């Protein structure tokens, strides 16, 4: 991902926030035969680890397709994004653009034994269920726990310690404040390209308290 100093997201804490809020990831591996393999799975952060550490899993046989653990993997996280019309700028000639936040994370996956994989799956489920009024837990009942123990054999869990990352937060930072105000207004109230999530990211990028 080409960097631009105006849009670079260099903060580790900032990247962690993007991962927490956008856990659906694209996982890309370059295998021994020269093939590129991509899969889509949710990820969570190991909040107790130093640095950026991802926890996730793949369903079998994706671990063989990716040759998981043998190569560096790129994990792509994409946050809010959307079309920005030049009509939201001013009367001067301009071209449209696309605002977005994204991170490319690199590391070699460490495969987990079944017992730890099960714990990661439980944490993954809890992460998404916690906000519901009646969360469903993988081990909430004896029946659920027995079912979870059976299905864990169909997945391969992994931990990925991020060795390096490239992240970009393109939120019209190169535009005058009044132009940014108009863009945010269109994203919050417009009839055609409304995106409250993207508007929120733009407000955050210019330092507003949210």
Protein backbone atom coordinates (compact mmCIF):
# COMPACT_ATOMS: atom_id res chain seq x y z
CA UNK A 1 0.00 0.00 0.00
CA UNK A 2 1.58 3.26 -1.12
CA UNK A 3 2.05 5.69 1.72
CA UNK A 4 1.43 9.41 1.76
CA UNK A 5 2.68 11.42 4.75
CA UNK A 6 -0.66 13.24 5.00
CA UNK A 7 -2.55 9.98 5.50
CA UNK A 8 -0.11 7.67 7.31
CA UNK A 9 -1.49 5.85 10.34
CA UNK A 10 1.69 5.06 12.26
CA UNK A 11 0.29 4.65 15.76
CA UNK A 12 0.17 1.08 17.06
CA UNK A 13 -2.75 2.04 19.30
CA UNK A 14 -4.55 3.54 16.31
CA UNK A 15 -4.11 0.33 14.32
CA UNK A 16 -5.37 -1.72 17.27
CA UNK A 17 -8.51 0.42 17.40
CA UNK A 18 -9.15 -0.18 13.71
CA UNK A 19 -8.78 -3.94 14.24
CA UNK A 20 -11.13 -3.96 17.24
CA UNK A 21 -13.80 -2.06 15.36
CA UNK A 22 -13.36 -3.93 12.04
CA UNK A 23 -12.50 -7.56 12.83
CA UNK A 24 -13.44 -9.09 9.47
CA UNK A 25 -10.08 -9.72 7.79
CA UNK A 26 -8.64 -10.81 4.45
CA UNK A 27 -5.74 -13.24 4.89
CA UNK A 28 -3.29 -13.52 2.00
CA UNK A 29 -0.48 -16.06 1.60
CA UNK A 30 2.12 -16.57 -1.15
CA UNK A 31 2.66 -20.33 -1.38
CA UNK A 32 5.62 -22.42 -2.53
CA UNK A 33 4.16 -22.95 -6.00
CA UNK A 34 3.82 -19.20 -6.55
CA UNK A 35 0.06 -19.05 -5.99
CA UNK A 36 -1.62 -16.28 -4.03
CA UNK A 37 -4.26 -17.62 -1.65
CA UNK A 38 -6.81 -15.38 0.08
CA UNK A 39 -9.36 -16.26 2.76
CA UNK A 40 -11.82 -14.28 4.87
CA UNK A 41 -12.11 -14.81 8.64
CA UNK A 42 -12.68 -12.74 11.78
CA UNK A 43 -9.74 -11.83 14.00
CA UNK A 44 -9.38 -10.55 17.54
CA UNK A 45 -6.46 -9.00 19.36
CA UNK A 46 -4.57 -10.75 22.09
CA UNK A 47 -5.01 -7.83 24.46
CA UNK A 48 -2.54 -9.24 26.99
CA UNK A 49 0.36 -9.46 24.54
CA UNK A 50 2.94 -6.80 23.78
CA UNK A 51 2.68 -5.27 20.32
CA UNK A 52 -0.02 -6.26 17.86
CA UNK A 53 -0.92 -9.94 18.11
CA UNK A 54 -3.86 -11.43 16.20
CA UNK A 55 -5.80 -14.53 17.18
CA UNK A 56 -7.93 -16.37 14.66
CA UNK A 57 -8.53 -19.66 12.91
CA UNK A 58 -9.18 -21.10 9.48
CA UNK A 59 -11.47 -23.94 8.54
CA UNK A 60 -9.88 -27.07 7.18
CA UNK A 61 -8.48 -27.46 4.52
CA UNK A 62 -7.59 -23.75 4.30
CA UNK A 63 -4.54 -24.35 6.48
CA UNK A 64 -3.14 -26.53 3.68
CA UNK A 65 -4.07 -24.07 0.95
CA UNK A 66 -2.26 -21.29 2.82
CA UNK A 67 0.62 -23.57 3.89
CA UNK A 68 -0.13 -22.02 7.25
CA UNK A 69 2.87 -21.46 9.45
CA UNK A 70 5.41 -21.87 6.64
CA UNK A 71 5.26 -18.38 5.15
CA UNK A 72 4.63 -14.79 6.06
CA UNK A 73 0.94 -13.92 5.87
CA UNK A 74 -0.55 -10.52 5.10
CA UNK A 75 -3.75 -9.73 6.99
CA UNK A 76 -5.79 -6.85 5.57
CA UNK A 77 -8.15 -4.91 7.83
CA UNK A 78 -10.49 -2.42 6.20
CA UNK A 79 -12.47 0.16 8.13
CA UNK A 80 -15.15 2.61 6.98
CA UNK A 81 -14.74 3.85 3.42
CA UNK A 82 -16.76 5.67 0.82
CA UNK A 83 -17.03 7.82 -2.29
CA UNK A 84 -16.28 11.54 -1.96
CA UNK A 85 -17.81 13.69 -4.72
CA UNK A 86 -15.97 16.75 -6.07
CA UNK A 87 -19.34 18.49 -5.81
CA UNK A 88 -18.78 18.57 -2.06
CA UNK A 89 -15.59 20.63 -2.42
CA UNK A 90 -16.07 24.04 -4.02
CA UNK A 91 -16.52 25.59 -7.45
CA UNK A 92 -12.94 24.90 -8.54
CA UNK A 93 -12.15 22.00 -10.89
CA UNK A 94 -11.63 18.78 -8.93
CA UNK A 95 -11.85 15.02 -9.27
CA UNK A 96 -13.64 12.54 -6.99
CA UNK A 97 -11.80 10.45 -4.45
CA UNK A 98 -12.38 7.64 -1.97
CA UNK A 99 -11.82 8.08 1.76
CA UNK A 100 -10.84 4.99 3.73
CA UNK A 101 -8.91 3.50 6.60
CA UNK A 102 -6.99 0.26 6.10
CA UNK A 103 -4.10 -1.68 7.61
CA UNK A 104 -1.82 -4.34 6.14
CA UNK A 105 -0.35 -6.54 8.87
CA UNK A 106 2.50 -9.01 8.32
CA UNK A 107 3.76 -11.98 10.29
CA UNK A 108 4.24 -15.75 10.30
CA UNK A 109 1.27 -17.60 11.85
CA UNK A 110 1.97 -19.83 14.83
CA UNK A 111 -0.36 -22.85 14.76
CA UNK A 112 -2.15 -23.62 18.02
CA UNK A 113 -2.79 -27.00 19.63
CA UNK A 114 -6.44 -28.06 19.86
CA UNK A 115 -6.88 -27.02 23.50
CA UNK A 116 -5.61 -23.51 22.84
CA UNK A 117 -7.54 -23.32 19.58
CA UNK A 118 -10.71 -24.08 21.52
CA UNK A 119 -9.95 -21.27 23.97
CA UNK A 120 -9.40 -18.86 21.07
CA UNK A 121 -12.70 -19.91 19.48
CA UNK A 122 -14.43 -19.33 22.82
CA UNK A 123 -12.88 -15.86 23.08
CA UNK A 124 -13.91 -15.10 19.51
CA UNK A 125 -17.52 -16.08 20.18
CA UNK A 126 -17.58 -14.15 23.47
CA UNK A 127 -16.17 -11.06 21.73
CA UNK A 128 -19.20 -10.86 19.45
CA UNK A 129 -21.84 -12.25 21.82
CA UNK A 130 -21.03 -9.96 24.75
CA UNK A 131 -23.07 -7.07 23.36
CA UNK A 132 -26.24 -9.17 23.02
CA UNK A 133 -28.87 -9.22 25.78
CA UNK A 134 -28.65 -13.02 26.09
CA UNK A 135 -25.16 -14.07 24.94
CA UNK A 136 -24.73 -17.60 23.62
CA UNK A 137 -21.48 -19.15 24.84
CA UNK A 138 -19.63 -22.02 23.24
CA UNK A 139 -19.31 -23.63 26.65
CA UNK A 140 -22.46 -22.17 28.19
CA UNK A 141 -24.06 -25.58 28.69
CA UNK A 142 -22.79 -29.14 28.79
CA UNK A 143 -24.40 -29.75 25.41
CA UNK A 144 -22.74 -26.64 23.91
CA UNK A 145 -19.36 -27.62 25.32
CA UNK A 146 -19.60 -31.10 23.84
CA UNK A 147 -20.57 -29.66 20.46
CA UNK A 148 -17.69 -27.17 20.58
CA UNK A 149 -15.22 -29.95 21.38
CA UNK A 150 -16.38 -31.81 18.26
CA UNK A 151 -16.20 -28.90 15.85
CA UNK A 152 -12.77 -27.70 16.99
CA UNK A 153 -11.22 -30.54 14.99
CA UNK A 154 -12.53 -28.89 11.82
CA UNK A 155 -10.56 -25.69 12.43
CA UNK A 156 -6.92 -24.70 12.82
CA UNK A 157 -6.24 -21.87 15.23
CA UNK A 158 -3.29 -19.55 14.98
CA UNK A 159 -1.56 -16.64 16.64
CA UNK A 160 0.06 -14.02 14.42
CA UNK A 161 2.58 -11.65 15.99
CA UNK A 162 2.68 -8.66 13.68
CA UNK A 163 6.29 -7.97 12.72
CA UNK A 164 5.46 -4.92 10.61
CA UNK A 165 2.45 -3.06 9.33
CA UNK A 166 1.45 -0.38 6.87
CA UNK A 167 -1.69 1.59 7.66
CA UNK A 168 -3.43 4.47 5.98
CA UNK A 169 -6.14 6.80 7.23
CA UNK A 170 -7.24 8.92 4.26
CA UNK A 171 -9.87 11.31 5.60
CA UNK A 172 -9.51 14.47 3.47
CA UNK A 173 -6.78 15.80 5.80
CA UNK A 174 -5.34 17.70 2.81
CA UNK A 175 -8.53 19.73 2.34
CA UNK A 176 -9.52 23.07 3.96
CA UNK A 177 -11.60 22.85 7.13
CA UNK A 178 -14.71 24.23 5.42
CA UNK A 179 -14.45 21.55 2.71
CA UNK A 180 -14.11 18.83 5.34
CA UNK A 181 -17.22 20.23 7.04
CA UNK A 182 -19.20 19.90 3.79
CA UNK A 183 -17.97 16.35 3.22
CA UNK A 184 -18.91 15.32 6.75
CA UNK A 185 -22.34 16.92 6.33
CA UNK A 186 -22.97 14.95 3.13
CA UNK A 187 -21.81 11.71 4.75
CA UNK A 188 -24.07 12.29 7.74
CA UNK A 189 -27.14 13.70 5.99
CA UNK A 190 -26.80 13.21 2.22
CA UNK A 191 -29.34 11.27 0.19
CA UNK A 192 -26.94 9.32 -2.04
CA UNK A 193 -23.67 8.45 -0.28
CA UNK A 194 -24.47 8.73 3.40
CA UNK A 195 -22.01 6.91 5.66
CA UNK A 196 -22.19 7.88 9.35
CA UNK A 197 -19.30 5.53 10.14
CA UNK A 198 -17.02 7.28 7.64
CA UNK A 199 -18.13 10.69 8.92
CA UNK A 200 -17.19 9.57 12.42
CA UNK A 201 -13.74 8.54 11.22
CA UNK A 202 -13.30 11.95 9.59
CA UNK A 203 -14.24 13.69 12.82
CA UNK A 204 -11.78 11.52 14.73
CA UNK A 205 -9.02 12.23 12.17
CA UNK A 206 -9.30 15.96 12.75
CA UNK A 207 -9.15 15.56 16.49
CA UNK A 208 -12.79 15.92 17.54
CA UNK A 209 -13.80 14.27 20.83
CA UNK A 210 -16.19 11.40 20.09
